[in-house]
Amino acid sequence: MNLLRNLSVKAIELARGQTMTEYALILAAVAVVVYVGYETMGSDISSLLGYVDSNL
């Protein structure tokens, strides 16, 4: 019975580690998308903010 409980605890710990790794990969993918979006539209956003600022 002890062996079964130990295997169960190890399986839960491995699943928790796997979930943390998946979250880290998702976070890295979102960071890359945000960076690429910023690099692509950075000057457009800057000029738009300048336009709004000058009209205020």
PDB file of N, CA and C in Angstrom:
ATOM      1  N   MET A   1       0.822  -1.191   0.000  1.00  0.00           N
ATOM      2  CA  MET A   1       0.000   0.000   0.000  1.00  0.00           C
ATOM      3  C   MET A   1       0.869   1.259   0.000  1.00  0.00           C
ATOM      4  N   ASN A   2       1.981   1.203   0.725  1.00  0.00           N
ATOM      5  CA  ASN A   2       2.910   2.337   0.755  1.00  0.00           C
ATOM      6  C   ASN A   2       3.472   2.615  -0.637  1.00  0.00           C
ATOM      7  N   LEU A   3       3.786   1.575  -1.350  1.00  0.00           N
ATOM      8  CA  LEU A   3       4.339   1.724  -2.692  1.00  0.00           C
ATOM      9  C   LEU A   3       3.338   2.423  -3.614  1.00  0.00           C
ATOM     10  N   LEU A   4       2.088   2.042  -3.527  1.00  0.00           N
ATOM     11  CA  LEU A   4       1.050   2.651  -4.347  1.00  0.00           C
ATOM     12  C   LEU A   4       0.881   4.128  -4.008  1.00  0.00           C
ATOM     13  N   ARG A   5       0.928   4.448  -2.724  1.00  0.00           N
ATOM     14  CA  ARG A   5       0.803   5.848  -2.305  1.00  0.00           C
ATOM     15  C   ARG A   5       1.996   6.663  -2.784  1.00  0.00           C
ATOM     16  N   ASN A   6       3.194   6.112  -2.684  1.00  0.00           N
ATOM     17  CA  ASN A   6       4.393   6.819  -3.143  1.00  0.00           C
ATOM     18  C   ASN A   6       4.352   7.063  -4.647  1.00  0.00           C
ATOM     19  N   LEU A   7       3.903   6.073  -5.408  1.00  0.00           N
ATOM     20  CA  LEU A   7       3.787   6.251  -6.847  1.00  0.00           C
ATOM     21  C   LEU A   7       2.749   7.318  -7.186  1.00  0.00           C
ATOM     22  N   SER A   8       1.686   7.342  -6.434  1.00  0.00           N
ATOM     23  CA  SER A   8       0.643   8.345  -6.654  1.00  0.00           C
ATOM     24  C   SER A   8       1.172   9.749  -6.379  1.00  0.00           C
ATOM     25  N   VAL A   9       1.909   9.913  -5.307  1.00  0.00           N
ATOM     26  CA  VAL A   9       2.478  11.224  -4.963  1.00  0.00           C
ATOM     27  C   VAL A   9       3.478  11.663  -6.030  1.00  0.00           C
ATOM     28  N   LYS A  10       4.307  10.762  -6.509  1.00  0.00           N
ATOM     29  CA  LYS A  10       5.278  11.101  -7.551  1.00  0.00           C
ATOM     30  C   LYS A  10       4.579  11.493  -8.843  1.00  0.00           C
ATOM     31  N   ALA A  11       3.505  10.806  -9.187  1.00  0.00           N
ATOM     32  CA  ALA A  11       2.764  11.142 -10.402  1.00  0.00           C
ATOM     33  C   ALA A  11       2.157  12.534 -10.306  1.00  0.00           C
ATOM     34  N   ILE A  12       1.644  12.890  -9.146  1.00  0.00           N
ATOM     35  CA  ILE A  12       1.063  14.220  -8.952  1.00  0.00           C
ATOM     36  C   ILE A  12       2.146  15.287  -9.040  1.00  0.00           C
ATOM     37  N   GLU A  13       3.306  15.028  -8.455  1.00  0.00           N
ATOM     38  CA  GLU A  13       4.407  15.993  -8.517  1.00  0.00           C
ATOM     39  C   GLU A  13       4.893  16.182  -9.946  1.00  0.00           C
ATOM     40  N   LEU A  14       4.971  15.116 -10.725  1.00  0.00           N
ATOM     41  CA  LEU A  14       5.389  15.228 -12.122  1.00  0.00           C
ATOM     42  C   LEU A  14       4.368  16.011 -12.933  1.00  0.00           C
ATOM     43  N   ALA A  15       3.096  15.793 -12.665  1.00  0.00           N
ATOM     44  CA  ALA A  15       2.053  16.526 -13.385  1.00  0.00           C
ATOM     45  C   ALA A  15       2.118  18.010 -13.054  1.00  0.00           C
ATOM     46  N   ARG A  16       2.395  18.342 -11.802  1.00  0.00           N
ATOM     47  CA  ARG A  16       2.507  19.740 -11.400  1.00  0.00           C
ATOM     48  C   ARG A  16       3.685  20.398 -12.106  1.00  0.00           C
ATOM     49  N   GLY A  17       4.808  19.706 -12.204  1.00  0.00           N
ATOM     50  CA  GLY A  17       5.966  20.234 -12.914  1.00  0.00           C
ATOM     51  C   GLY A  17       5.697  20.405 -14.396  1.00  0.00           C
ATOM     52  N   GLN A  18       4.950  19.480 -14.959  1.00  0.00           N
ATOM     53  CA  GLN A  18       4.608  19.568 -16.378  1.00  0.00           C
ATOM     54  C   GLN A  18       3.719  20.784 -16.618  1.00  0.00           C
ATOM     55  N   THR A  19       2.770  21.034 -15.737  1.00  0.00           N
ATOM     56  CA  THR A  19       1.882  22.179 -15.884  1.00  0.00           C
ATOM     57  C   THR A  19       2.658  23.487 -15.793  1.00  0.00           C
ATOM     58  N   MET A  20       3.606  23.569 -14.878  1.00  0.00           N
ATOM     59  CA  MET A  20       4.410  24.776 -14.748  1.00  0.00           C
ATOM     60  C   MET A  20       5.234  25.013 -16.009  1.00  0.00           C
ATOM     61  N   THR A  21       5.750  23.952 -16.592  1.00  0.00           N
ATOM     62  CA  THR A  21       6.516  24.070 -17.827  1.00  0.00           C
ATOM     63  C   THR A  21       5.633  24.555 -18.970  1.00  0.00           C
ATOM     64  N   GLU A  22       4.421  24.034 -19.045  1.00  0.00           N
ATOM     65  CA  GLU A  22       3.500  24.481 -20.087  1.00  0.00           C
ATOM     66  C   GLU A  22       3.168  25.956 -19.928  1.00  0.00           C
ATOM     67  N   TYR A  23       2.928  26.399 -18.707  1.00  0.00           N
ATOM     68  CA  TYR A  23       2.650  27.816 -18.468  1.00  0.00           C
ATOM     69  C   TYR A  23       3.853  28.681 -18.854  1.00  0.00           C
ATOM     70  N   ALA A  24       5.038  28.218 -18.565  1.00  0.00           N
ATOM     71  CA  ALA A  24       6.237  28.975 -18.928  1.00  0.00           C
ATOM     72  C   ALA A  24       6.376  29.074 -20.447  1.00  0.00           C
ATOM     73  N   LEU A  25       6.076  28.011 -21.160  1.00  0.00           N
ATOM     74  CA  LEU A  25       6.144  28.044 -22.620  1.00  0.00           C
ATOM     75  C   LEU A  25       5.081  28.976 -23.204  1.00  0.00           C
ATOM     76  N   ILE A  26       3.889  28.956 -22.635  1.00  0.00           N
ATOM     77  CA  ILE A  26       2.836  29.860 -23.095  1.00  0.00           C
ATOM     78  C   ILE A  26       3.229  31.302 -22.829  1.00  0.00           C
ATOM     79  N   LEU A  27       3.781  31.569 -21.658  1.00  0.00           N
ATOM     80  CA  LEU A  27       4.216  32.926 -21.320  1.00  0.00           C
ATOM     81  C   LEU A  27       5.315  33.395 -22.275  1.00  0.00           C
ATOM     82  N   ALA A  28       6.240  32.518 -22.605  1.00  0.00           N
ATOM     83  CA  ALA A  28       7.306  32.879 -23.547  1.00  0.00           C
ATOM     84  C   ALA A  28       6.732  33.163 -24.934  1.00  0.00           C
ATOM     85  N   ALA A  29       5.757  32.370 -25.367  1.00  0.00           N
ATOM     86  CA  ALA A  29       5.145  32.598 -26.680  1.00  0.00           C
ATOM     87  C   ALA A  29       4.403  33.931 -26.709  1.00  0.00           C
ATOM     88  N   VAL A  30       3.685  34.254 -25.641  1.00  0.00           N
ATOM     89  CA  VAL A  30       2.979  35.540 -25.572  1.00  0.00           C
ATOM     90  C   VAL A  30       3.979  36.690 -25.586  1.00  0.00           C
ATOM     91  N   ALA A  31       5.082  36.548 -24.875  1.00  0.00           N
ATOM     92  CA  ALA A  31       6.102  37.594 -24.855  1.00  0.00           C
ATOM     93  C   ALA A  31       6.683  37.819 -26.246  1.00  0.00           C
ATOM     94  N   VAL A  32       6.912  36.760 -26.990  1.00  0.00           N
ATOM     95  CA  VAL A  32       7.444  36.892 -28.348  1.00  0.00           C
ATOM     96  C   VAL A  32       6.431  37.595 -29.250  1.00  0.00           C
ATOM     97  N   VAL A  33       5.160  37.237 -29.133  1.00  0.00           N
ATOM     98  CA  VAL A  33       4.121  37.865 -29.954  1.00  0.00           C
ATOM     99  C   VAL A  33       4.007  39.352 -29.621  1.00  0.00           C
ATOM    100  N   VAL A  34       4.048  39.696 -28.346  1.00  0.00           N
ATOM    101  CA  VAL A  34       3.967  41.104 -27.946  1.00  0.00           C
ATOM    102  C   VAL A  34       5.175  41.874 -28.465  1.00  0.00           C
ATOM    103  N   TYR A  35       6.349  41.299 -28.358  1.00  0.00           N
ATOM    104  CA  TYR A  35       7.561  41.967 -28.841  1.00  0.00           C
ATOM    105  C   TYR A  35       7.510  42.197 -30.342  1.00  0.00           C
ATOM    106  N   VAL A  36       7.117  41.186 -31.089  1.00  0.00           N
ATOM    107  CA  VAL A  36       7.038  41.319 -32.547  1.00  0.00           C
ATOM    108  C   VAL A  36       5.980  42.345 -32.921  1.00  0.00           C
ATOM    109  N   GLY A  37       4.857  42.339 -32.225  1.00  0.00           N
ATOM    110  CA  GLY A  37       3.817  43.325 -32.480  1.00  0.00           C
ATOM    111  C   GLY A  37       4.296  44.730 -32.184  1.00  0.00           C
ATOM    112  N   TYR A  38       5.028  44.892 -31.118  1.00  0.00           N
ATOM    113  CA  TYR A  38       5.563  46.206 -30.766  1.00  0.00           C
ATOM    114  C   TYR A  38       6.577  46.678 -31.805  1.00  0.00           C
ATOM    115  N   GLU A  39       7.456  45.796 -32.221  1.00  0.00           N
ATOM    116  CA  GLU A  39       8.448  46.153 -33.229  1.00  0.00           C
ATOM    117  C   GLU A  39       7.787  46.494 -34.563  1.00  0.00           C
ATOM    118  N   THR A  40       6.726  45.784 -34.894  1.00  0.00           N
ATOM    119  CA  THR A  40       6.045  46.002 -36.165  1.00  0.00           C
ATOM    120  C   THR A  40       5.235  47.298 -36.157  1.00  0.00           C
ATOM    121  N   MET A  41       4.518  47.542 -35.076  1.00  0.00           N
ATOM    122  CA  MET A  41       3.617  48.689 -35.023  1.00  0.00           C
ATOM    123  C   MET A  41       4.112  49.810 -34.124  1.00  0.00           C
ATOM    124  N   GLY A  42       5.333  49.742 -33.669  1.00  0.00           N
ATOM    125  CA  GLY A  42       5.857  50.738 -32.742  1.00  0.00           C
ATOM    126  C   GLY A  42       5.818  52.149 -33.277  1.00  0.00           C
ATOM    127  N   SER A  43       6.256  52.358 -34.502  1.00  0.00           N
ATOM    128  CA  SER A  43       6.268  53.709 -35.072  1.00  0.00           C
ATOM    129  C   SER A  43       4.850  54.187 -35.357  1.00  0.00           C
ATOM    130  N   ASP A  44       3.954  53.283 -35.765  1.00  0.00           N
ATOM    131  CA  ASP A  44       2.561  53.664 -36.005  1.00  0.00           C
ATOM    132  C   ASP A  44       1.890  54.122 -34.720  1.00  0.00           C
ATOM    133  N   ILE A  45       2.131  53.403 -33.655  1.00  0.00           N
ATOM    134  CA  ILE A  45       1.548  53.761 -32.362  1.00  0.00           C
ATOM    135  C   ILE A  45       2.123  55.089 -31.881  1.00  0.00           C
ATOM    136  N   SER A  46       3.398  55.273 -32.059  1.00  0.00           N
ATOM    137  CA  SER A  46       4.046  56.509 -31.638  1.00  0.00           C
ATOM    138  C   SER A  46       3.497  57.708 -32.408  1.00  0.00           C
ATOM    139  N   SER A  47       3.323  57.568 -33.722  1.00  0.00           N
ATOM    140  CA  SER A  47       2.782  58.680 -34.512  1.00  0.00           C
ATOM    141  C   SER A  47       1.315  58.939 -34.164  1.00  0.00           C
ATOM    142  N   LEU A  48       0.564  57.893 -33.885  1.00  0.00           N
ATOM    143  CA  LEU A  48      -0.830  58.057 -33.477  1.00  0.00           C
ATOM    144  C   LEU A  48      -0.919  58.799 -32.145  1.00  0.00           C
ATOM    145  N   LEU A  49      -0.079  58.448 -31.193  1.00  0.00           N
ATOM    146  CA  LEU A  49      -0.074  59.148 -29.903  1.00  0.00           C
ATOM    147  C   LEU A  49       0.339  60.596 -30.073  1.00  0.00           C
ATOM    148  N   GLY A  50       1.287  60.861 -30.956  1.00  0.00           N
ATOM    149  CA  GLY A  50       1.688  62.245 -31.239  1.00  0.00           C
ATOM    150  C   GLY A  50       0.551  63.054 -31.844  1.00  0.00           C
ATOM    151  N   TYR A  51      -0.209  62.424 -32.732  1.00  0.00           N
ATOM    152  CA  TYR A  51      -1.359  63.078 -33.362  1.00  0.00           C
ATOM    153  C   TYR A  51      -2.424  63.419 -32.318  1.00  0.00           C
ATOM    154  N   VAL A  52      -2.726  62.453 -31.462  1.00  0.00           N
ATOM    155  CA  VAL A  52      -3.722  62.678 -30.410  1.00  0.00           C
ATOM    156  C   VAL A  52      -3.246  63.772 -29.450  1.00  0.00           C
ATOM    157  N   ASP A  53      -1.991  63.748 -29.102  1.00  0.00           N
ATOM    158  CA  ASP A  53      -1.426  64.744 -28.183  1.00  0.00           C
ATOM    159  C   ASP A  53      -1.493  66.146 -28.791  1.00  0.00           C
ATOM    160  N   SER A  54      -1.203  66.269 -30.061  1.00  0.00           N
ATOM    161  CA  SER A  54      -1.229  67.592 -30.693  1.00  0.00           C
ATOM    162  C   SER A  54      -2.649  68.134 -30.828  1.00  0.00           C
ATOM    163  N   ASN A  55      -3.623  67.256 -30.945  1.00  0.00           N
ATOM    164  CA  ASN A  55      -5.008  67.692 -31.060  1.00  0.00           C
ATOM    165  C   ASN A  55      -5.645  67.986 -29.705  1.00  0.00           C
ATOM    166  N   LEU A  56      -5.042  67.549 -28.650  1.00  0.00           N
ATOM    167  CA  LEU A  56      -5.585  67.848 -27.326  1.00  0.00           C
ATOM    168  C   LEU A  56      -5.090  69.223 -26.924  1.00  0.00           C
TER     169      LEU A  56
END
